[in-house]
Amino acid sequence: LFRSIAQGALDAGISGIYAYPGTPSTEITEFVQNSKQAFENNVRCNWSANEKTALETALGMSYAGKRAMVCMKHVGLNVAADPFMNSAITGANGGMIVVAADDPSMHSSQNEQDSRFFGKFAMIPILEPANQQEAYDMVLYGFDLSEKFKIPVLLRIPTRLAHSRSGVERQATRSQNKLTLPENLRQFVLLPAYARKRYNNLLNEQAKYNQESENSRFNQYVEGEDKSKGIIVCGIAYYYLVENYPDRIVPFPVIKIGQYPLPQKMIERMLKECSAILVLEDGYPFVEEMLTGFLTEKGKITGRLDGTIPRDGELNPNIVAAALGMEESVGIDIPALMVNRPPSLCVSCPHIDSFIAINEVMAAFSKGRVFSDIGCYTLGALQPFETINSCVDMGASITMAKGAADAGLVPSIAVIGDS
């Protein structure tokens, strides 16, 4: 399977693949390192110090408009959780796929955690192939999906599938993207004022991700005459099911899941048609737990999902009162003379001189070349400096600058210091 993913990435026109080794994901990067196609097209292919820096470097390449892939095993996603979660809010520019290789039964791992929960937690699209051809096709589709919605995409594979083989029909090779910076040079700056807008954008996009899953060719409703049971299968579990039937025809209705969020209309149809539901999935009861939401009568459970409580922001007494149907208390308006004062660097802070110097040096180049990370120096994104173009997570300035430079954005500057 790893060959399918690696070849799919090369045929999709990636410019870089970054990874930290971990079975069963290691072979994806090794295949690219030994690929003549990758060498001839100057595809960057590096081992990183850890999964966090690998993901940040791929994010830097995506920032520069090029397609990038980052690979790790499921526990590696813990190490990369900081930039992974924040990349869902920054979004992508060039297509970006995160490959997480899960290890049910812990063949070579310390736990069985299911990476789909990370994808759901981040609220990004998830792809889960059932076979090698789907894995190849999903990579090309995943880059299209990523660039369509400007969002990273998670590709989840289990050990059993990763260590299996099959022939794959390839598609025409695509050209690499041109160097293109984000239209909004504040897209990757997660200062609270910007991050709130980006988070609201992520929330507003959820309906589009749901619609994409409903129409995805990787999600199928297979008719069955016996409606006493309906079966929902995820990824490779589909083949565990059909192998029990010599003619490969399952008598029950089957929903084959390859793309998340779950296709709600398909599931609602099965719940209406079938007396009982069996869920087959390799890993945690991810879909099974979510089915409780579909099984509940509409209006019976209220909260953040149905809009009774806002999806974003803190709770307060007024929000709770409104949810309970009680009268909201109205406070005193803040006088107009109380004008917001944005934060600023301290008087005589050495970062002031640094940003002034950087602006003078970079005046000869196009904008969008200075990368930062967490710390008070992220105020360099604001007036009067407007120097920095990223603020994703701790340490990401150096690695994002490296990825952007790999993509051809030379020079790229990294700003890192106190926090």
Protein backbone atom coordinates (compact mmCIF):
# COMPACT_ATOMS: atom_id res chain seq x y z
CA LEU A 1 0.00 0.00 0.00
CA PHE A 2 2.80 2.45 0.80
CA ARG A 3 3.86 2.30 -2.86
CA SER A 4 0.31 3.29 -3.88
CA ILE A 5 0.39 6.32 -1.61
CA ALA A 6 3.91 7.39 -2.60
CA GLN A 7 3.28 6.96 -6.32
CA GLY A 8 -0.05 8.73 -5.98
CA ALA A 9 1.70 11.68 -4.37
CA LEU A 10 4.32 11.83 -7.12
CA ASP A 11 1.68 11.60 -9.84
CA ALA A 12 -0.33 14.33 -8.05
CA GLY A 13 2.61 16.71 -8.52
CA ILE A 14 3.95 17.01 -4.98
CA SER A 15 6.94 19.26 -4.40
CA GLY A 16 7.92 17.85 -1.01
CA ILE A 17 7.35 14.97 1.39
CA TYR A 18 8.48 15.20 5.00
CA ALA A 19 8.33 12.45 7.61
CA TYR A 20 9.61 10.86 10.77
CA PRO A 21 10.03 7.08 10.49
CA GLY A 22 7.47 4.84 12.17
CA THR A 23 6.04 1.51 11.07
CA PRO A 24 3.89 1.18 9.01
CA SER A 25 4.48 4.62 7.46
CA THR A 26 8.25 4.58 6.92
CA GLU A 27 8.20 2.93 3.51
CA ILE A 28 6.21 5.77 1.91
CA THR A 29 9.10 8.20 2.29
CA GLU A 30 11.71 5.57 1.43
CA PHE A 31 9.91 4.88 -1.85
CA VAL A 32 10.03 8.56 -2.80
CA GLN A 33 13.71 8.81 -1.80
CA ASN A 34 14.52 5.99 -4.24
CA SER A 35 12.22 7.24 -7.00
CA LYS A 36 13.72 8.36 -10.31
CA GLN A 37 10.57 10.37 -10.93
CA ALA A 38 11.08 12.26 -7.66
CA PHE A 39 14.76 12.91 -8.45
CA GLU A 40 14.05 14.21 -11.95
CA ASN A 41 11.36 16.56 -10.64
CA ASN A 42 13.45 17.82 -7.71
CA VAL A 43 10.92 16.62 -5.15
CA ARG A 44 12.15 17.45 -1.65
CA CYS A 45 12.19 14.30 0.46
CA ASN A 46 13.62 14.62 3.94
CA TRP A 47 13.55 12.87 7.29
CA SER A 48 12.73 15.39 10.00
CA ALA A 49 13.88 15.62 13.61
CA ASN A 50 10.38 14.61 14.72
CA GLU A 51 6.78 14.49 13.50
CA LYS A 52 6.10 18.04 14.66
CA THR A 53 8.85 19.55 12.55
CA ALA A 54 7.87 17.32 9.62
CA LEU A 55 4.32 18.65 9.65
CA GLU A 56 5.47 22.24 10.08
CA THR A 57 7.86 21.95 7.13
CA ALA A 58 5.09 20.55 4.95
CA LEU A 59 2.87 23.40 6.13
CA GLY A 60 5.56 25.87 5.10
CA MET A 61 5.64 24.35 1.62
CA SER A 62 1.84 24.52 1.46
CA TYR A 63 2.07 28.19 2.52
CA ALA A 64 4.20 28.76 -0.58
CA GLY A 65 1.49 27.25 -2.79
CA LYS A 66 3.05 23.86 -3.48
CA ARG A 67 1.65 20.40 -2.74
CA ALA A 68 3.19 18.63 0.23
CA MET A 69 2.72 15.36 2.08
CA VAL A 70 3.73 14.54 5.65
CA CYS A 71 3.88 10.95 6.95
CA MET A 72 3.96 9.45 10.43
CA LYS A 73 2.49 6.61 12.49
CA HIS A 74 -0.48 7.14 14.76
CA VAL A 75 1.50 7.91 17.92
CA GLY A 76 3.57 10.36 15.92
CA LEU A 77 0.43 12.38 15.40
CA ASN A 78 0.55 13.06 19.15
CA VAL A 79 3.93 14.73 18.68
CA ALA A 80 2.56 16.71 15.73
CA ALA A 81 -0.74 17.55 17.45
CA ASP A 82 0.14 21.21 18.02
CA PRO A 83 0.70 22.19 14.37
CA PHE A 84 -1.89 19.62 13.20
CA MET A 85 -4.73 21.20 15.16
CA ASN A 86 -3.63 24.73 14.29
CA SER A 87 -3.20 23.91 10.60
CA ALA A 88 -6.92 23.21 10.49
CA ILE A 89 -7.45 26.84 11.49
CA THR A 90 -4.76 28.38 9.28
CA GLY A 91 -5.91 26.18 6.43
CA ALA A 92 -3.72 25.28 3.48
CA ASN A 93 -2.60 27.11 0.36
CA GLY A 94 -1.02 24.41 -1.76
CA GLY A 95 -2.59 20.98 -1.26
CA MET A 96 -1.49 19.21 1.93
CA ILE A 97 -2.10 15.62 3.01
CA VAL A 98 -1.22 14.20 6.44
CA VAL A 99 -0.76 10.42 6.34
CA ALA A 100 -1.30 8.70 9.70
CA ALA A 101 -0.59 4.96 9.83
CA ASP A 102 -2.56 3.29 12.64
CA ASP A 103 -1.56 0.01 14.27
CA PRO A 104 -4.54 -2.01 15.61
CA SER A 105 -3.32 -4.94 17.76
CA MET A 106 -0.09 -3.01 18.45
CA HIS A 107 2.15 -5.03 16.16
CA SER A 108 4.94 -2.49 16.68
CA SER A 109 3.40 0.25 18.78
CA GLN A 110 2.62 1.22 22.34
CA ASN A 111 -1.09 1.80 21.82
CA GLU A 112 -3.99 1.29 19.41
CA GLN A 113 -5.22 4.86 19.17
CA ASP A 114 -7.39 5.74 16.19
CA SER A 115 -6.24 8.77 14.19
CA ARG A 116 -9.76 9.43 12.95
CA PHE A 117 -10.46 11.04 16.31
CA PHE A 118 -7.69 13.56 15.63
CA GLY A 119 -9.24 14.36 12.24
CA LYS A 120 -12.68 14.79 13.80
CA PHE A 121 -11.17 16.86 16.62
CA ALA A 122 -9.52 19.15 14.07
CA MET A 123 -12.73 19.18 11.96
CA ILE A 124 -10.94 18.39 8.70
CA PRO A 125 -11.82 15.86 5.96
CA ILE A 126 -10.60 12.28 6.54
CA LEU A 127 -9.95 9.63 3.89
CA GLU A 128 -9.68 5.89 4.67
CA PRO A 129 -8.94 3.52 1.77
CA ALA A 130 -10.20 -0.06 1.58
CA ASN A 131 -7.56 -1.26 -0.89
CA GLN A 132 -4.46 -0.20 -2.79
CA GLN A 133 -6.28 1.31 -5.76
CA GLU A 134 -8.42 3.42 -3.47
CA ALA A 135 -5.30 4.57 -1.62
CA TYR A 136 -3.74 5.74 -4.87
CA ASP A 137 -6.94 7.42 -6.05
CA MET A 138 -7.53 9.02 -2.66
CA VAL A 139 -4.14 10.72 -2.72
CA LEU A 140 -4.90 12.50 -5.99
CA TYR A 141 -8.42 13.26 -4.85
CA GLY A 142 -7.13 14.37 -1.46
CA PHE A 143 -4.88 17.03 -2.99
CA ASP A 144 -7.82 18.27 -5.07
CA LEU A 145 -9.99 18.32 -1.95
CA SER A 146 -7.32 20.17 0.00
CA GLU A 147 -6.94 22.87 -2.64
CA LYS A 148 -10.70 23.14 -3.23
CA PHE A 149 -11.40 23.98 0.41
CA LYS A 150 -7.93 25.28 1.35
CA ILE A 151 -7.70 22.74 4.19
CA PRO A 152 -5.29 19.94 5.16
CA VAL A 153 -6.65 16.42 4.61
CA LEU A 154 -5.96 13.39 6.84
CA LEU A 155 -5.32 10.01 5.16
CA ARG A 156 -5.65 7.14 7.64
CA ILE A 157 -4.28 3.65 6.94
CA PRO A 158 -4.05 0.57 9.24
CA THR A 159 -1.11 -1.84 9.45
CA ARG A 160 -2.84 -4.78 7.77
CA LEU A 161 -3.62 -2.73 4.68
CA ALA A 162 -0.23 -0.99 4.68
CA HIS A 163 1.57 -4.35 4.47
CA SER A 164 -0.53 -5.79 1.65
CA ARG A 165 0.06 -5.72 -2.10
CA SER A 166 -2.03 -5.30 -5.25
CA GLY A 167 -1.76 -3.93 -8.75
CA VAL A 168 -2.69 -0.26 -9.20
CA GLU A 169 -3.81 1.60 -12.31
CA ARG A 170 -2.07 4.97 -12.46
CA GLN A 171 -3.38 8.29 -13.73
CA ALA A 172 -1.62 10.92 -15.80
CA THR A 173 1.13 12.72 -13.92
CA ARG A 174 0.34 16.29 -12.93
CA SER A 175 2.72 19.23 -12.93
CA GLN A 176 3.90 20.76 -9.69
CA ASN A 177 2.20 23.96 -8.54
CA LYS A 178 3.84 27.28 -9.16
CA LEU A 179 5.12 29.31 -6.23
CA THR A 180 2.04 31.21 -5.01
CA LEU A 181 1.63 32.90 -1.64
CA PRO A 182 -1.74 33.06 0.15
CA GLU A 183 -4.09 35.78 -1.07
CA ASN A 184 -4.42 36.86 2.55
CA LEU A 185 -0.95 37.22 4.04
CA ARG A 186 -2.54 37.05 7.52
CA GLN A 187 -4.02 33.59 6.85
CA PHE A 188 -1.25 31.83 8.77
CA VAL A 189 -1.00 34.34 11.61
CA LEU A 190 -2.87 32.90 14.59
CA LEU A 191 -2.95 35.96 16.75
CA PRO A 192 -6.32 35.80 18.54
CA ALA A 193 -7.95 38.50 16.40
CA TYR A 194 -7.11 36.58 13.24
CA ALA A 195 -7.54 33.11 14.72
CA ARG A 196 -11.14 33.81 15.73
CA LYS A 197 -12.01 34.66 12.14
CA ARG A 198 -10.16 31.63 10.82
CA TYR A 199 -11.92 29.37 13.33
CA ASN A 200 -15.31 30.73 12.34
CA ASN A 201 -14.36 30.08 8.73
CA LEU A 202 -13.53 26.46 9.64
CA LEU A 203 -16.93 26.09 11.33
CA ASN A 204 -18.73 27.58 8.34
CA GLU A 205 -16.99 25.15 5.98
CA GLN A 206 -18.28 22.07 7.83
CA ALA A 207 -21.49 21.93 5.79
CA LYS A 208 -19.42 21.85 2.60
CA TYR A 209 -17.29 18.98 3.93
CA ASN A 210 -20.49 17.10 4.78
CA GLN A 211 -21.88 17.65 1.30
CA GLU A 212 -18.59 16.48 -0.23
CA SER A 213 -18.86 13.23 1.75
CA GLU A 214 -22.47 12.71 0.71
CA ASN A 215 -21.44 12.90 -2.95
CA SER A 216 -18.07 11.13 -2.62
CA ARG A 217 -17.44 8.08 -4.78
CA PHE A 218 -15.64 6.60 -1.78
CA ASN A 219 -18.90 6.42 0.18
CA GLN A 220 -21.37 3.93 -1.25
CA TYR A 221 -24.78 2.57 -0.31
CA VAL A 222 -25.01 -1.04 -1.51
CA GLU A 223 -28.56 -2.39 -1.72
CA GLY A 224 -29.53 -5.58 0.11
CA GLU A 225 -32.80 -7.56 0.16
CA ASP A 226 -32.65 -8.58 3.82
CA LYS A 227 -33.54 -5.46 5.85
CA SER A 228 -33.31 -7.21 9.23
CA LYS A 229 -29.79 -5.83 9.50
CA GLY A 230 -27.80 -2.99 8.00
CA ILE A 231 -23.99 -3.00 8.01
CA ILE A 232 -21.69 0.00 8.07
CA VAL A 233 -18.09 -0.81 7.11
CA CYS A 234 -15.05 1.46 7.21
CA GLY A 235 -12.01 1.05 4.98
CA ILE A 236 -10.49 -2.42 4.89
CA ALA A 237 -13.35 -3.82 7.01
CA TYR A 238 -15.38 -4.02 3.81
CA TYR A 239 -13.21 -6.88 2.63
CA TYR A 240 -13.37 -8.62 5.98
CA LEU A 241 -17.13 -8.59 5.45
CA VAL A 242 -17.36 -9.79 1.85
CA GLU A 243 -14.84 -12.59 2.40
CA ASN A 244 -17.53 -14.32 4.48
CA TYR A 245 -19.71 -14.62 1.35
CA PRO A 246 -18.30 -16.87 -1.42
CA ASP A 247 -20.06 -14.90 -4.15
CA ARG A 248 -19.01 -11.61 -2.51
CA ILE A 249 -22.68 -10.55 -2.40
CA VAL A 250 -23.86 -9.45 1.03
CA PRO A 251 -27.62 -9.97 1.55
CA PHE A 252 -27.92 -6.95 3.85
CA PRO A 253 -27.74 -3.26 2.92
CA VAL A 254 -24.16 -2.04 3.31
CA ILE A 255 -22.73 1.45 3.67
CA LYS A 256 -19.07 1.46 2.66
CA ILE A 257 -17.29 4.41 4.26
CA GLY A 258 -14.09 5.84 2.78
CA GLN A 259 -14.53 9.53 3.45
CA TYR A 260 -15.47 11.50 6.54
CA PRO A 261 -17.46 13.39 7.85
CA LEU A 262 -20.00 10.57 7.83
CA PRO A 263 -22.53 10.64 4.96
CA GLN A 264 -25.53 11.52 7.10
CA LYS A 265 -28.23 10.93 4.47
CA MET A 266 -26.98 7.40 3.76
CA ILE A 267 -26.95 6.56 7.45
CA GLU A 268 -30.40 8.04 8.05
CA ARG A 269 -31.72 5.96 5.17
CA MET A 270 -30.26 2.78 6.66
CA LEU A 271 -31.68 3.58 10.08
CA LYS A 272 -35.14 3.90 8.54
CA GLU A 273 -34.88 0.76 6.40
CA CYS A 274 -33.13 -1.68 8.76
CA SER A 275 -34.11 -3.16 12.12
CA ALA A 276 -30.55 -3.31 13.49
CA ILE A 277 -27.15 -1.90 12.59
CA LEU A 278 -23.77 -3.65 12.73
CA VAL A 279 -20.68 -1.44 12.57
CA LEU A 280 -17.40 -2.92 11.33
CA GLU A 281 -14.32 -0.72 11.68
CA ASP A 282 -10.63 -1.37 12.22
CA GLY A 283 -9.73 0.61 15.33
CA TYR A 284 -11.79 2.40 17.96
CA PRO A 285 -15.63 2.53 17.88
CA PHE A 286 -15.38 5.84 16.07
CA VAL A 287 -18.46 5.55 13.85
CA GLU A 288 -20.35 3.50 16.40
CA GLU A 289 -20.13 6.27 18.98
CA MET A 290 -21.26 8.88 16.49
CA LEU A 291 -24.34 6.85 15.54
CA THR A 292 -25.98 7.79 18.84
CA GLY A 293 -26.45 11.26 17.38
CA PHE A 294 -28.30 9.83 14.37
CA LEU A 295 -30.40 7.50 16.52
CA THR A 296 -31.68 10.33 18.72
CA GLU A 297 -34.96 12.02 17.84
CA LYS A 298 -34.51 15.45 16.34
CA GLY A 299 -34.76 18.13 18.97
CA LYS A 300 -34.32 15.70 21.85
CA ILE A 301 -30.68 16.68 22.39
CA THR A 302 -29.75 20.31 22.09
CA GLY A 303 -26.50 22.18 22.57
CA ARG A 304 -23.64 23.30 20.37
CA LEU A 305 -24.45 20.93 17.50
CA ASP A 306 -27.94 22.29 16.83
CA GLY A 307 -27.03 25.91 17.51
CA THR A 308 -28.78 26.28 20.87
CA ILE A 309 -25.33 27.10 22.27
CA PRO A 310 -22.89 28.92 19.92
CA ARG A 311 -20.22 26.70 18.44
CA ASP A 312 -17.43 29.17 19.20
CA GLY A 313 -16.42 31.30 22.16
CA GLU A 314 -16.87 30.99 25.91
CA LEU A 315 -20.09 30.31 27.75
CA ASN A 316 -21.56 33.07 29.86
CA PRO A 317 -24.72 33.49 31.97
CA ASN A 318 -26.61 35.13 29.11
CA ILE A 319 -25.93 32.28 26.69
CA VAL A 320 -27.08 29.75 29.29
CA ALA A 321 -30.18 31.81 30.04
CA ALA A 322 -31.09 31.97 26.37
CA ALA A 323 -30.68 28.20 26.05
CA LEU A 324 -33.02 27.73 29.02
CA GLY A 325 -35.59 30.09 27.56
CA MET A 326 -35.04 32.60 30.35
CA GLU A 327 -34.78 36.35 30.06
CA GLU A 328 -31.29 37.64 29.39
CA SER A 329 -29.87 40.32 31.66
CA VAL A 330 -28.74 43.46 29.89
CA GLY A 331 -25.61 45.18 31.13
CA ILE A 332 -24.55 48.78 30.88
CA ASP A 333 -23.03 49.80 27.54
CA ILE A 334 -19.33 50.58 27.60
CA PRO A 335 -18.87 54.33 27.10
CA ALA A 336 -17.74 55.29 23.59
CA LEU A 337 -14.68 57.02 25.04
CA MET A 338 -13.30 53.60 26.01
CA VAL A 339 -11.41 52.77 22.81
CA ASN A 340 -9.71 49.41 22.38
CA ARG A 341 -5.94 49.63 22.65
CA PRO A 342 -4.13 46.78 20.87
CA PRO A 343 -1.11 45.21 22.59
CA SER A 344 2.30 46.56 21.72
CA LEU A 345 5.93 45.74 22.31
CA CYS A 346 7.45 47.26 25.44
CA VAL A 347 9.35 50.50 25.13
CA SER A 348 13.01 49.79 24.20
CA CYS A 349 12.22 46.12 23.45
CA PRO A 350 15.04 44.77 21.22
CA HIS A 351 12.46 43.18 18.89
CA ILE A 352 11.55 46.70 17.73
CA ASP A 353 15.02 47.21 16.28
CA SER A 354 14.98 43.70 14.85
CA PHE A 355 11.74 44.26 12.96
CA ILE A 356 12.84 47.66 11.70
CA ALA A 357 16.08 46.13 10.43
CA ILE A 358 14.28 43.18 8.81
CA ASN A 359 11.84 45.51 7.05
CA GLU A 360 14.73 47.57 5.69
CA VAL A 361 16.58 44.50 4.43
CA MET A 362 13.49 42.84 2.97
CA ALA A 363 12.27 45.98 1.19
CA ALA A 364 14.10 44.79 -1.91
CA PHE A 365 12.03 41.57 -2.03
CA SER A 366 8.36 40.71 -2.36
CA LYS A 367 6.25 40.51 0.81
CA GLY A 368 5.30 37.34 2.68
CA ARG A 369 8.78 35.99 3.49
CA VAL A 370 9.12 36.30 7.29
CA PHE A 371 8.02 33.42 9.52
CA SER A 372 7.49 33.64 13.27
CA ASP A 373 6.12 31.47 16.08
CA ILE A 374 4.62 31.82 19.58
CA GLY A 375 5.93 34.72 21.66
CA CYS A 376 5.46 38.45 22.16
CA TYR A 377 7.42 39.04 18.97
CA THR A 378 4.34 37.90 17.03
CA LEU A 379 3.23 41.50 17.54
CA GLY A 380 5.50 42.12 14.58
CA ALA A 381 2.49 41.13 12.45
CA LEU A 382 0.68 44.31 13.55
CA GLN A 383 1.24 47.95 12.75
CA PRO A 384 3.58 49.72 12.64
CA PHE A 385 5.84 46.79 11.68
CA GLU A 386 3.70 44.33 9.66
CA THR A 387 6.82 42.22 9.37
CA ILE A 388 5.86 38.60 10.05
CA ASN A 389 3.61 36.32 8.00
CA SER A 390 3.06 33.26 10.20
CA CYS A 391 2.36 32.34 13.81
CA VAL A 392 1.33 28.69 13.97
CA ASP A 393 2.95 27.01 16.99
CA MET A 394 6.09 26.76 19.09
CA GLY A 395 9.18 26.45 16.93
CA ALA A 396 7.36 26.54 13.59
CA SER A 397 9.14 29.66 12.35
CA ILE A 398 12.36 27.86 11.39
CA THR A 399 10.68 24.81 9.90
CA MET A 400 8.05 26.75 7.93
CA ALA A 401 10.77 29.01 6.56
CA LYS A 402 12.72 25.89 5.55
CA GLY A 403 9.68 24.44 3.76
CA ALA A 404 8.94 27.71 2.00
CA ALA A 405 12.59 27.96 0.93
CA ASP A 406 12.46 24.36 -0.33
CA ALA A 407 9.44 25.41 -2.40
CA GLY A 408 11.50 28.23 -3.96
CA LEU A 409 10.62 31.20 -1.73
CA VAL A 410 14.21 32.41 -1.34
CA PRO A 411 15.13 34.20 0.81
CA SER A 412 12.85 33.10 3.67
CA ILE A 413 13.41 34.54 7.14
CA ALA A 414 12.74 32.86 10.50
CA VAL A 415 12.12 34.93 13.65
CA ILE A 416 12.41 32.98 16.90
CA GLY A 417 13.26 34.04 20.43
CA ASP A 418 11.58 34.46 23.79
CA SER A 419 8.17 33.05 24.76
